């Protein structure tokens, strides 16, 4: 009795715009014609996950002959400036996955990466994915409404409960902790046009302007 084997044809790659499909296929390293049942999907996922801009990856066999590689790209959320002038791009989880030698080098980045130059700068004592202050600030930045996000030039915090957003035109928003972002943004919308440079919405029921 003969058994017909089903071989891998071109992998089906699903993902975002930042990581080229060709790069994912190359890193996955699954030769065309490999019997589908012999593909170690965990090993393929592990190889693709080493691409810096990949947050997570899932690999599935799709019969009769396709291998599906589903990639979730990292979401650029903030910039980190090092003492040597290097610039790091941090994702929503606090992972730095892209680095530039300087702001000038970042300005020369490919057109598809122009979004990096509009990101706010994150300033916390110990930036990183395991740092509670870092995570609190990143959560806050992701929760901001569309009208506010482009105005934020930097975000600072000495603790998870001491978040400040620095806006264009030398304005500062005292945000407090990362809780109640909708209420705080709504409170800010009501006072942002008032005369002042500091807007405290840490207690959104009682916003203050000075």
N, C-alpha and C. Protein backbone atom coordinates (compact mmCIF):
# COMPACT_ATOMS: atom_id res chain seq x y z
N UNK A 1 0.85 -1.19 0.00
CA UNK A 1 0.00 0.00 0.00
C UNK A 1 0.88 1.24 0.00
N UNK A 2 0.57 2.18 -0.85
CA UNK A 2 1.33 3.42 -0.90
C UNK A 2 0.56 4.53 -0.21
N UNK A 3 1.29 5.41 0.46
CA UNK A 3 0.68 6.55 1.16
C UNK A 3 1.12 7.82 0.46
N UNK A 4 0.17 8.64 0.04
CA UNK A 4 0.49 9.89 -0.66
C UNK A 4 0.85 10.97 0.38
N UNK A 5 2.01 11.57 0.23
CA UNK A 5 2.42 12.65 1.15
C UNK A 5 1.96 13.99 0.60
N UNK A 6 1.64 14.90 1.51
CA UNK A 6 1.22 16.25 1.15
C UNK A 6 2.37 17.19 1.46
N UNK A 7 2.86 17.86 0.43
CA UNK A 7 4.04 18.70 0.59
C UNK A 7 3.66 20.17 0.73
N UNK A 8 4.54 20.91 1.44
CA UNK A 8 4.33 22.34 1.63
C UNK A 8 4.56 23.08 0.32
N UNK A 9 3.62 23.90 -0.05
CA UNK A 9 3.80 24.81 -1.17
C UNK A 9 4.21 26.17 -0.59
N UNK A 10 3.86 27.26 -1.21
CA UNK A 10 4.25 28.57 -0.72
C UNK A 10 3.56 28.87 0.62
N UNK A 11 4.31 29.22 1.68
CA UNK A 11 3.67 29.53 2.97
C UNK A 11 2.71 30.71 2.85
N UNK A 12 1.61 30.63 3.59
CA UNK A 12 0.63 31.71 3.65
C UNK A 12 0.99 32.59 4.85
N UNK A 13 1.49 33.79 4.58
CA UNK A 13 1.94 34.70 5.65
C UNK A 13 0.88 35.77 5.88
N UNK A 14 0.46 35.89 7.14
CA UNK A 14 -0.51 36.91 7.52
C UNK A 14 0.12 37.80 8.58
N UNK A 15 0.10 39.11 8.35
CA UNK A 15 0.73 40.02 9.31
C UNK A 15 0.54 41.46 8.91
N UNK A 16 1.40 42.32 9.47
CA UNK A 16 1.29 43.75 9.22
C UNK A 16 2.26 44.24 8.17
N UNK A 17 2.38 45.57 8.06
CA UNK A 17 3.17 46.15 6.97
C UNK A 17 4.65 46.34 7.26
N UNK A 18 5.07 46.21 8.52
CA UNK A 18 6.43 46.59 8.87
C UNK A 18 7.46 45.50 8.57
N UNK A 19 7.06 44.25 8.68
CA UNK A 19 7.98 43.14 8.42
C UNK A 19 7.66 42.56 7.05
N UNK A 20 8.57 42.65 6.09
CA UNK A 20 8.29 42.14 4.74
C UNK A 20 7.97 40.65 4.74
N UNK A 21 7.03 40.26 3.91
CA UNK A 21 6.67 38.85 3.80
C UNK A 21 7.88 38.01 3.43
N UNK A 22 8.73 38.54 2.54
CA UNK A 22 9.90 37.79 2.10
C UNK A 22 10.83 37.48 3.27
N UNK A 23 10.95 38.42 4.21
CA UNK A 23 11.82 38.19 5.37
C UNK A 23 11.26 37.09 6.25
N UNK A 24 9.95 37.09 6.44
CA UNK A 24 9.32 36.06 7.27
C UNK A 24 9.51 34.68 6.65
N UNK A 25 9.30 34.58 5.34
CA UNK A 25 9.46 33.29 4.66
C UNK A 25 10.90 32.82 4.76
N UNK A 26 11.85 33.74 4.59
CA UNK A 26 13.27 33.35 4.66
C UNK A 26 13.64 32.87 6.05
N UNK A 27 13.21 33.60 7.07
CA UNK A 27 13.55 33.22 8.45
C UNK A 27 12.83 31.93 8.85
N UNK A 28 11.61 31.73 8.37
CA UNK A 28 10.87 30.50 8.70
C UNK A 28 11.63 29.27 8.25
N UNK A 29 12.32 29.38 7.11
CA UNK A 29 13.22 28.33 6.63
C UNK A 29 12.52 26.98 6.49
N UNK A 30 11.43 26.99 5.73
CA UNK A 30 10.72 25.75 5.42
C UNK A 30 10.83 25.52 3.92
N UNK A 31 11.70 24.63 3.47
CA UNK A 31 11.88 24.41 2.03
C UNK A 31 10.58 23.95 1.37
N UNK A 32 10.32 24.50 0.20
CA UNK A 32 9.15 24.05 -0.55
C UNK A 32 9.28 22.56 -0.86
N UNK A 33 8.18 21.86 -0.74
CA UNK A 33 8.20 20.43 -0.99
C UNK A 33 8.39 19.60 0.26
N UNK A 34 8.64 20.26 1.41
CA UNK A 34 8.75 19.51 2.67
C UNK A 34 7.40 18.89 3.00
N UNK A 35 7.37 17.60 3.35
CA UNK A 35 6.09 16.99 3.74
C UNK A 35 5.45 17.78 4.88
N UNK A 36 4.19 18.14 4.72
CA UNK A 36 3.51 19.01 5.68
C UNK A 36 3.55 18.46 7.09
N UNK A 37 3.38 17.14 7.23
CA UNK A 37 3.37 16.54 8.56
C UNK A 37 4.74 16.55 9.23
N UNK A 38 5.78 16.77 8.45
CA UNK A 38 7.13 16.79 9.02
C UNK A 38 7.57 18.18 9.47
N UNK A 39 6.75 19.18 9.21
CA UNK A 39 7.11 20.55 9.60
C UNK A 39 6.92 20.71 11.11
N UNK A 40 7.99 21.11 11.79
CA UNK A 40 7.94 21.38 13.23
C UNK A 40 7.42 22.81 13.40
N UNK A 41 6.13 22.95 13.63
CA UNK A 41 5.52 24.28 13.68
C UNK A 41 6.07 25.12 14.83
N UNK A 42 6.39 24.47 15.95
CA UNK A 42 6.94 25.21 17.10
C UNK A 42 8.31 25.78 16.76
N UNK A 43 9.12 25.00 16.05
CA UNK A 43 10.44 25.47 15.66
C UNK A 43 10.35 26.62 14.67
N UNK A 44 9.40 26.52 13.74
CA UNK A 44 9.20 27.60 12.77
C UNK A 44 8.79 28.88 13.50
N UNK A 45 7.85 28.74 14.43
CA UNK A 45 7.39 29.91 15.20
C UNK A 45 8.54 30.52 15.98
N UNK A 46 9.39 29.68 16.55
CA UNK A 46 10.53 30.19 17.31
C UNK A 46 11.49 30.98 16.45
N UNK A 47 11.71 30.53 15.23
CA UNK A 47 12.62 31.26 14.33
C UNK A 47 12.03 32.61 13.94
N UNK A 48 10.75 32.62 13.59
CA UNK A 48 10.12 33.88 13.18
C UNK A 48 10.03 34.86 14.35
N UNK A 49 9.83 34.34 15.55
CA UNK A 49 9.72 35.20 16.73
C UNK A 49 11.00 35.95 17.02
N UNK A 50 12.12 35.50 16.45
CA UNK A 50 13.39 36.20 16.68
C UNK A 50 13.52 37.47 15.85
N UNK A 51 12.62 37.69 14.92
CA UNK A 51 12.61 38.96 14.19
C UNK A 51 12.24 40.06 15.18
N UNK A 52 13.05 41.09 15.35
CA UNK A 52 12.82 42.08 16.40
C UNK A 52 11.44 42.72 16.40
N UNK A 53 10.88 42.97 15.23
CA UNK A 53 9.59 43.68 15.15
C UNK A 53 8.39 42.76 15.34
N UNK A 54 8.62 41.48 15.62
CA UNK A 54 7.53 40.53 15.80
C UNK A 54 7.23 40.37 17.29
N UNK A 55 5.99 40.64 17.67
CA UNK A 55 5.57 40.46 19.07
C UNK A 55 5.21 39.01 19.35
N UNK A 56 4.46 38.41 18.45
CA UNK A 56 4.08 37.01 18.62
C UNK A 56 3.83 36.40 17.24
N UNK A 57 3.87 35.07 17.20
CA UNK A 57 3.68 34.38 15.92
C UNK A 57 2.97 33.05 16.17
N UNK A 58 2.12 32.68 15.24
CA UNK A 58 1.42 31.40 15.31
C UNK A 58 1.59 30.70 13.97
N UNK A 59 1.95 29.42 14.02
CA UNK A 59 2.15 28.65 12.80
C UNK A 59 1.20 27.45 12.82
N UNK A 60 0.43 27.30 11.75
CA UNK A 60 -0.54 26.20 11.65
C UNK A 60 -0.40 25.51 10.30
N UNK A 61 -0.70 24.23 10.29
CA UNK A 61 -0.81 23.50 9.04
C UNK A 61 -2.22 23.72 8.49
N UNK A 62 -2.29 24.11 7.23
CA UNK A 62 -3.58 24.34 6.58
C UNK A 62 -3.68 23.38 5.39
N UNK A 63 -4.41 22.31 5.56
CA UNK A 63 -4.50 21.30 4.52
C UNK A 63 -5.30 21.82 3.34
N UNK A 64 -4.93 21.44 2.11
CA UNK A 64 -4.10 20.26 1.84
C UNK A 64 -2.59 20.51 1.81
N UNK A 65 -2.12 21.73 1.53
CA UNK A 65 -0.67 21.85 1.33
C UNK A 65 -0.10 23.19 1.80
N UNK A 66 -0.82 23.91 2.63
CA UNK A 66 -0.35 25.24 3.02
C UNK A 66 0.11 25.27 4.47
N UNK A 67 1.11 26.08 4.70
CA UNK A 67 1.58 26.36 6.05
C UNK A 67 1.25 27.82 6.32
N UNK A 68 0.44 28.08 7.34
CA UNK A 68 0.02 29.44 7.65
C UNK A 68 0.88 30.01 8.77
N UNK A 69 1.49 31.16 8.50
CA UNK A 69 2.31 31.85 9.50
C UNK A 69 1.62 33.18 9.80
N UNK A 70 1.07 33.28 11.00
CA UNK A 70 0.33 34.49 11.40
C UNK A 70 1.19 35.30 12.38
N UNK A 71 1.52 36.52 11.98
CA UNK A 71 2.44 37.35 12.75
C UNK A 71 1.71 38.56 13.32
N UNK A 72 1.95 38.82 14.60
CA UNK A 72 1.49 40.07 15.23
C UNK A 72 2.71 40.95 15.43
N UNK A 73 2.72 42.10 14.76
CA UNK A 73 3.86 43.00 14.85
C UNK A 73 3.81 43.83 16.13
N UNK A 74 4.97 44.24 16.58
CA UNK A 74 5.03 45.13 17.73
C UNK A 74 4.43 46.49 17.35
N UNK A 75 3.82 47.13 18.34
CA UNK A 75 3.21 48.44 18.11
C UNK A 75 4.09 49.52 18.72
N UNK A 76 4.66 50.35 17.86
CA UNK A 76 5.53 51.43 18.34
C UNK A 76 4.71 52.39 19.20
N UNK A 77 5.18 52.64 20.44
CA UNK A 77 4.40 53.43 21.39
C UNK A 77 5.16 54.64 21.91
N UNK A 78 6.47 54.52 22.09
CA UNK A 78 7.25 55.63 22.65
C UNK A 78 8.71 55.50 22.24
N UNK A 79 9.44 56.59 22.42
CA UNK A 79 10.88 56.61 22.19
C UNK A 79 11.61 56.69 23.51
N UNK A 80 12.80 56.09 23.54
CA UNK A 80 13.69 56.18 24.69
C UNK A 80 14.99 56.81 24.22
N UNK A 81 15.44 57.84 24.92
CA UNK A 81 16.70 58.49 24.56
C UNK A 81 17.79 58.07 25.55
N UNK A 82 18.87 57.50 25.04
CA UNK A 82 19.98 57.09 25.88
C UNK A 82 20.93 58.23 26.15
N UNK A 83 21.79 58.10 27.17
CA UNK A 83 22.76 59.16 27.49
C UNK A 83 23.75 59.41 26.37
N UNK A 84 23.93 58.43 25.49
CA UNK A 84 24.86 58.59 24.37
C UNK A 84 24.17 59.14 23.12
N UNK A 85 22.89 59.51 23.27
CA UNK A 85 22.16 60.06 22.14
C UNK A 85 21.44 59.04 21.29
N UNK A 86 21.61 57.76 21.61
CA UNK A 86 20.91 56.74 20.84
C UNK A 86 19.41 56.80 21.13
N UNK A 87 18.63 56.46 20.12
CA UNK A 87 17.18 56.48 20.23
C UNK A 87 16.66 55.06 20.08
N UNK A 88 15.84 54.63 21.04
CA UNK A 88 15.21 53.32 20.96
C UNK A 88 13.71 53.46 20.76
N UNK A 89 13.15 52.58 19.95
CA UNK A 89 11.70 52.54 19.75
C UNK A 89 11.14 51.45 20.65
N UNK A 90 10.22 51.84 21.53
CA UNK A 90 9.65 50.91 22.51
C UNK A 90 8.22 50.55 22.11
N UNK A 91 7.89 49.27 22.26
CA UNK A 91 6.54 48.84 21.92
C UNK A 91 5.62 48.97 23.13
N UNK A 92 4.38 48.54 22.97
CA UNK A 92 3.38 48.71 24.02
C UNK A 92 3.69 47.91 25.27
N UNK A 93 4.57 46.91 25.16
CA UNK A 93 4.93 46.07 26.29
C UNK A 93 6.22 46.52 26.97
N UNK A 94 6.86 47.55 26.43
CA UNK A 94 8.10 48.05 27.03
C UNK A 94 9.35 47.46 26.43
N UNK A 95 9.24 46.77 25.31
CA UNK A 95 10.39 46.16 24.65
C UNK A 95 10.94 47.14 23.60
N UNK A 96 12.25 47.41 23.67
CA UNK A 96 12.91 48.23 22.65
C UNK A 96 13.31 47.29 21.51
N UNK A 97 12.77 47.51 20.33
CA UNK A 97 13.00 46.58 19.23
C UNK A 97 13.64 47.22 18.00
N UNK A 98 13.79 48.54 18.01
CA UNK A 98 14.49 49.24 16.94
C UNK A 98 15.36 50.30 17.60
N UNK A 99 16.58 50.47 17.11
CA UNK A 99 17.47 51.50 17.65
C UNK A 99 18.08 52.32 16.51
N UNK A 100 18.29 53.60 16.81
CA UNK A 100 18.95 54.51 15.88
C UNK A 100 20.12 55.18 16.61
N UNK A 101 21.18 55.48 15.88
CA UNK A 101 22.35 56.09 16.49
C UNK A 101 22.07 57.49 17.00
N UNK A 102 21.09 58.17 16.40
CA UNK A 102 20.77 59.54 16.77
C UNK A 102 19.42 59.91 16.19
N UNK A 103 18.93 61.10 16.57
CA UNK A 103 17.69 61.57 15.98
C UNK A 103 17.85 61.82 14.48
N UNK A 104 19.04 62.28 14.10
CA UNK A 104 19.30 62.50 12.68
C UNK A 104 19.19 61.20 11.91
N UNK A 105 19.73 60.11 12.48
CA UNK A 105 19.64 58.81 11.83
C UNK A 105 18.20 58.34 11.73
N UNK A 106 17.41 58.64 12.76
CA UNK A 106 16.00 58.28 12.72
C UNK A 106 15.29 59.06 11.64
N UNK A 107 15.70 60.30 11.42
CA UNK A 107 15.11 61.11 10.38
C UNK A 107 15.38 60.58 8.99
N UNK A 108 16.44 59.78 8.86
CA UNK A 108 16.79 59.20 7.57
C UNK A 108 16.13 57.84 7.35
N UNK A 109 15.30 57.41 8.30
CA UNK A 109 14.67 56.09 8.20
C UNK A 109 13.76 56.02 6.99
N UNK A 110 13.49 54.80 6.57
CA UNK A 110 12.65 54.58 5.40
C UNK A 110 11.27 55.21 5.59
N UNK A 111 10.64 55.53 4.49
CA UNK A 111 9.35 56.21 4.54
C UNK A 111 8.33 55.45 5.37
N UNK A 112 8.39 54.13 5.34
CA UNK A 112 7.44 53.33 6.09
C UNK A 112 7.61 53.43 7.58
N UNK A 113 8.72 54.03 8.04
CA UNK A 113 8.98 54.14 9.46
C UNK A 113 8.90 55.58 9.96
N UNK A 114 8.28 56.45 9.18
CA UNK A 114 8.16 57.85 9.58
C UNK A 114 7.38 58.01 10.88
N UNK A 115 6.53 57.04 11.17
CA UNK A 115 5.73 57.10 12.39
C UNK A 115 6.62 57.21 13.62
N UNK A 116 7.82 56.66 13.58
CA UNK A 116 8.71 56.73 14.73
C UNK A 116 8.97 58.16 15.16
N UNK A 117 9.10 59.06 14.21
CA UNK A 117 9.49 60.42 14.52
C UNK A 117 8.38 61.21 15.21
N UNK A 118 7.17 60.70 15.20
CA UNK A 118 6.06 61.38 15.85
C UNK A 118 5.76 60.82 17.23
N UNK A 119 6.50 59.81 17.66
CA UNK A 119 6.25 59.18 18.95
C UNK A 119 6.71 60.07 20.10
N UNK A 120 6.01 60.03 21.25
CA UNK A 120 6.47 60.78 22.41
C UNK A 120 7.68 60.13 23.05
N UNK A 121 8.49 60.93 23.73
CA UNK A 121 9.65 60.42 24.45
C UNK A 121 9.21 59.97 25.83
N UNK A 122 9.64 58.79 26.24
CA UNK A 122 9.33 58.25 27.56
C UNK A 122 10.49 58.50 28.50
N UNK A 123 10.21 59.09 29.67
CA UNK A 123 11.24 59.36 30.66
C UNK A 123 10.81 58.79 32.00
N UNK A 124 11.40 57.66 32.37
CA UNK A 124 11.15 57.01 33.66
C UNK A 124 12.49 56.54 34.21
N UNK A 125 12.58 56.29 35.53
CA UNK A 125 13.87 55.93 36.13
C UNK A 125 14.48 54.64 35.58
N UNK A 126 13.65 53.61 35.38
CA UNK A 126 14.17 52.29 34.97
C UNK A 126 13.34 51.71 33.83
N UNK A 127 13.47 52.26 32.63
CA UNK A 127 12.62 51.80 31.53
C UNK A 127 12.85 50.34 31.19
N UNK A 128 11.77 49.62 30.94
CA UNK A 128 11.89 48.22 30.55
C UNK A 128 10.57 47.50 30.71
N UNK A 129 10.44 46.31 30.12
CA UNK A 129 9.17 45.59 30.12
C UNK A 129 8.73 45.09 31.49
N UNK A 130 9.66 44.96 32.45
CA UNK A 130 9.29 44.49 33.78
C UNK A 130 9.07 45.62 34.77
N UNK A 131 9.25 46.86 34.33
CA UNK A 131 9.15 48.01 35.22
C UNK A 131 7.71 48.50 35.31
N UNK A 132 7.11 48.53 36.51
CA UNK A 132 5.71 48.96 36.64
C UNK A 132 5.46 50.38 36.17
N UNK A 133 6.43 51.27 36.39
CA UNK A 133 6.25 52.65 35.96
C UNK A 133 6.23 52.75 34.44
N UNK A 134 7.13 52.03 33.80
CA UNK A 134 7.14 51.99 32.33
C UNK A 134 5.81 51.50 31.79
N UNK A 135 5.33 50.40 32.34
CA UNK A 135 4.08 49.81 31.84
C UNK A 135 2.90 50.75 32.08
N UNK A 136 2.89 51.46 33.21
CA UNK A 136 1.79 52.38 33.50
C UNK A 136 1.76 53.53 32.50
N UNK A 137 2.94 54.07 32.17
CA UNK A 137 2.99 55.18 31.21
C UNK A 137 2.59 54.69 29.82
N UNK A 138 3.07 53.52 29.42
CA UNK A 138 2.73 52.99 28.10
C UNK A 138 1.23 52.71 28.00
N UNK A 139 0.64 52.18 29.07
CA UNK A 139 -0.81 51.95 29.08
C UNK A 139 -1.55 53.27 28.90
N UNK A 140 -1.06 54.31 29.56
CA UNK A 140 -1.69 55.63 29.44
C UNK A 140 -1.59 56.15 28.02
N UNK A 141 -0.41 56.06 27.43
CA UNK A 141 -0.23 56.57 26.07
C UNK A 141 -1.15 55.86 25.08
N UNK A 142 -1.33 54.55 25.27
CA UNK A 142 -2.20 53.80 24.36
C UNK A 142 -3.67 54.12 24.56
N UNK A 143 -4.02 54.60 25.75
CA UNK A 143 -5.43 54.87 26.05
C UNK A 143 -5.87 56.26 25.62
N UNK A 144 -4.95 57.11 25.17
CA UNK A 144 -5.30 58.49 24.85
C UNK A 144 -6.18 58.56 23.61
N UNK A 145 -7.14 59.48 23.59
CA UNK A 145 -7.99 59.64 22.41
C UNK A 145 -7.21 60.26 21.25
N UNK A 146 -7.77 60.14 20.07
CA UNK A 146 -7.08 60.60 18.87
C UNK A 146 -6.79 62.09 18.88
N UNK A 147 -7.63 62.88 19.50
CA UNK A 147 -7.40 64.33 19.49
C UNK A 147 -6.23 64.72 20.38
N UNK A 148 -5.93 63.91 21.39
CA UNK A 148 -4.88 64.25 22.35
C UNK A 148 -3.53 63.65 21.99
N UNK A 149 -3.53 62.43 21.47
CA UNK A 149 -2.27 61.70 21.25
C UNK A 149 -1.24 62.49 20.43
N UNK A 150 -1.62 63.15 19.34
CA UNK A 150 -0.60 63.86 18.55
C UNK A 150 0.02 65.06 19.26
N UNK A 151 -0.63 65.54 20.32
CA UNK A 151 -0.11 66.70 21.03
C UNK A 151 0.94 66.34 22.07
N UNK A 152 1.06 65.06 22.41
CA UNK A 152 1.98 64.63 23.46
C UNK A 152 3.39 64.51 22.89
N UNK A 153 4.31 65.30 23.44
CA UNK A 153 5.71 65.25 22.99
C UNK A 153 6.55 64.36 23.88
N UNK A 154 6.17 64.24 25.16
CA UNK A 154 6.89 63.35 26.06
C UNK A 154 5.99 62.97 27.23
N UNK A 155 6.36 61.90 27.91
CA UNK A 155 5.63 61.44 29.09
C UNK A 155 6.65 61.09 30.16
N UNK A 156 6.45 61.60 31.37
CA UNK A 156 7.39 61.36 32.46
C UNK A 156 6.66 60.78 33.65
N UNK A 157 7.41 60.06 34.48
CA UNK A 157 6.83 59.51 35.71
C UNK A 157 7.96 59.04 36.61
N UNK A 158 7.81 59.30 37.91
CA UNK A 158 8.75 58.77 38.89
C UNK A 158 8.19 57.52 39.55
N UNK A 159 6.89 57.27 39.35
CA UNK A 159 6.22 56.08 39.88
C UNK A 159 4.97 55.85 39.04
N UNK A 160 4.31 54.69 39.20
CA UNK A 160 3.10 54.44 38.41
C UNK A 160 1.96 55.42 38.69
N UNK A 161 2.03 56.13 39.81
CA UNK A 161 0.95 57.06 40.18
C UNK A 161 1.31 58.51 39.91
N UNK A 162 2.43 58.75 39.22
CA UNK A 162 2.93 60.12 39.03
C UNK A 162 3.18 60.40 37.54
N UNK A 163 2.21 60.10 36.71
CA UNK A 163 2.38 60.26 35.27
C UNK A 163 2.06 61.70 34.86
N UNK A 164 2.94 62.27 34.06
CA UNK A 164 2.72 63.60 33.50
C UNK A 164 2.89 63.53 31.98
N UNK A 165 1.99 64.16 31.28
CA UNK A 165 2.06 64.25 29.82
C UNK A 165 2.48 65.67 29.45
N UNK A 166 3.50 65.78 28.65
CA UNK A 166 3.99 67.09 28.22
C UNK A 166 3.54 67.31 26.78
N UNK A 167 2.77 68.38 26.60
CA UNK A 167 2.16 68.65 25.31
C UNK A 167 2.92 69.74 24.56
N UNK A 168 2.57 69.89 23.31
CA UNK A 168 3.11 71.00 22.52
C UNK A 168 2.71 72.32 23.17
N UNK A 169 3.40 73.38 22.82
CA UNK A 169 3.17 74.73 23.36
C UNK A 169 3.40 74.79 24.86
N UNK A 170 4.34 73.98 25.35
CA UNK A 170 4.82 74.04 26.73
C UNK A 170 3.69 73.85 27.76
N UNK A 171 2.80 72.92 27.48
CA UNK A 171 1.73 72.60 28.41
C UNK A 171 1.99 71.24 29.06
N UNK A 172 1.55 71.10 30.30
CA UNK A 172 1.74 69.85 31.05
C UNK A 172 0.41 69.37 31.59
N UNK A 173 0.18 68.08 31.47
CA UNK A 173 -1.02 67.46 32.03
C UNK A 173 -0.59 66.54 33.16
N UNK A 174 -1.07 66.82 34.37
CA UNK A 174 -0.84 65.93 35.51
C UNK A 174 -1.90 64.85 35.44
N UNK A 175 -1.48 63.64 35.06
CA UNK A 175 -2.41 62.55 34.78
C UNK A 175 -2.63 61.66 36.00
N UNK A 176 -1.63 61.55 36.86
CA UNK A 176 -1.75 60.65 38.00
C UNK A 176 -1.42 59.23 37.61
N UNK A 177 -2.25 58.27 38.00
CA UNK A 177 -2.01 56.88 37.61
C UNK A 177 -2.67 56.60 36.26
N UNK A 178 -2.60 55.35 35.83
CA UNK A 178 -3.12 55.00 34.50
C UNK A 178 -4.61 54.68 34.49
N UNK A 179 -5.24 54.76 35.65
CA UNK A 179 -6.66 54.43 35.74
C UNK A 179 -7.57 55.53 35.20
N UNK A 180 -8.77 55.16 34.85
CA UNK A 180 -9.84 56.06 34.40
C UNK A 180 -9.41 56.96 33.23
N UNK A 181 -8.80 56.41 32.21
CA UNK A 181 -8.31 57.26 31.11
C UNK A 181 -9.42 57.99 30.36
N UNK A 182 -10.58 57.37 30.22
CA UNK A 182 -11.67 58.02 29.50
C UNK A 182 -12.16 59.24 30.27
N UNK A 183 -12.33 59.08 31.58
CA UNK A 183 -12.79 60.20 32.41
C UNK A 183 -11.77 61.33 32.42
N UNK A 184 -10.49 60.98 32.48
CA UNK A 184 -9.45 62.01 32.52
C UNK A 184 -9.36 62.76 31.20
N UNK A 185 -9.47 62.04 30.10
CA UNK A 185 -9.43 62.69 28.80
C UNK A 185 -10.63 63.61 28.61
N UNK A 186 -11.78 63.18 29.09
CA UNK A 186 -12.98 64.01 28.99
C UNK A 186 -12.84 65.26 29.84
N UNK A 187 -12.29 65.11 31.05
CA UNK A 187 -12.07 66.28 31.91
C UNK A 187 -11.08 67.24 31.26
N UNK A 188 -10.04 66.69 30.66
CA UNK A 188 -9.03 67.53 30.01
C UNK A 188 -9.63 68.29 28.83
N UNK A 189 -10.50 67.65 28.09
CA UNK A 189 -11.12 68.30 26.94
C UNK A 189 -11.91 69.54 27.35
N UNK A 190 -12.44 69.53 28.57
CA UNK A 190 -13.24 70.66 29.04
C UNK A 190 -12.38 71.83 29.51
N UNK A 191 -11.11 71.57 29.87
CA UNK A 191 -10.29 72.65 30.44
C UNK A 191 -9.09 73.02 29.58
N UNK A 192 -8.79 72.24 28.55
CA UNK A 192 -7.56 72.44 27.79
C UNK A 192 -7.52 73.79 27.09
N UNK A 193 -8.68 74.37 26.82
CA UNK A 193 -8.70 75.66 26.13
C UNK A 193 -8.62 76.85 27.09
N UNK A 194 -8.64 76.59 28.38
CA UNK A 194 -8.56 77.66 29.36
C UNK A 194 -7.13 78.19 29.45
N UNK A 195 -7.00 79.42 29.94
CA UNK A 195 -5.68 80.01 30.09
C UNK A 195 -4.91 79.25 31.18
N UNK A 196 -3.72 78.81 30.86
CA UNK A 196 -2.90 78.08 31.82
C UNK A 196 -1.91 77.19 31.10
N UNK A 197 -0.97 76.65 31.85
CA UNK A 197 0.04 75.75 31.27
C UNK A 197 0.05 74.38 31.93
N UNK A 198 -0.59 74.27 33.09
CA UNK A 198 -0.64 72.98 33.80
C UNK A 198 -2.09 72.60 34.04
N UNK A 199 -2.43 71.39 33.60
CA UNK A 199 -3.81 70.90 33.71
C UNK A 199 -3.79 69.60 34.51
N UNK A 200 -4.40 69.64 35.68
CA UNK A 200 -4.39 68.49 36.58
C UNK A 200 -5.72 67.75 36.47
N UNK A 201 -5.66 66.55 35.91
CA UNK A 201 -6.87 65.74 35.78
C UNK A 201 -6.71 64.41 36.52
N UNK A 202 -5.79 64.38 37.48
CA UNK A 202 -5.57 63.14 38.23
C UNK A 202 -6.83 62.73 38.99
N UNK A 203 -7.63 63.72 39.40
CA UNK A 203 -8.98 63.48 39.93
C UNK A 203 -9.94 64.10 38.93
N UNK A 204 -10.43 63.34 37.98
CA UNK A 204 -11.18 63.93 36.86
C UNK A 204 -12.44 64.68 37.26
N UNK A 205 -12.99 64.37 38.45
CA UNK A 205 -14.17 65.11 38.90
C UNK A 205 -13.83 66.55 39.24
N UNK A 206 -12.56 66.79 39.57
CA UNK A 206 -12.15 68.13 40.00
C UNK A 206 -10.89 68.57 39.24
N UNK A 207 -10.99 68.78 37.94
CA UNK A 207 -9.81 69.22 37.19
C UNK A 207 -9.38 70.61 37.63
N UNK A 208 -8.07 70.84 37.57
CA UNK A 208 -7.53 72.13 37.99
C UNK A 208 -6.60 72.67 36.91
N UNK A 209 -6.58 73.98 36.79
CA UNK A 209 -5.74 74.65 35.80
C UNK A 209 -4.92 75.71 36.50
N UNK A 210 -3.63 75.77 36.17
CA UNK A 210 -2.77 76.80 36.77
C UNK A 210 -1.78 77.31 35.74
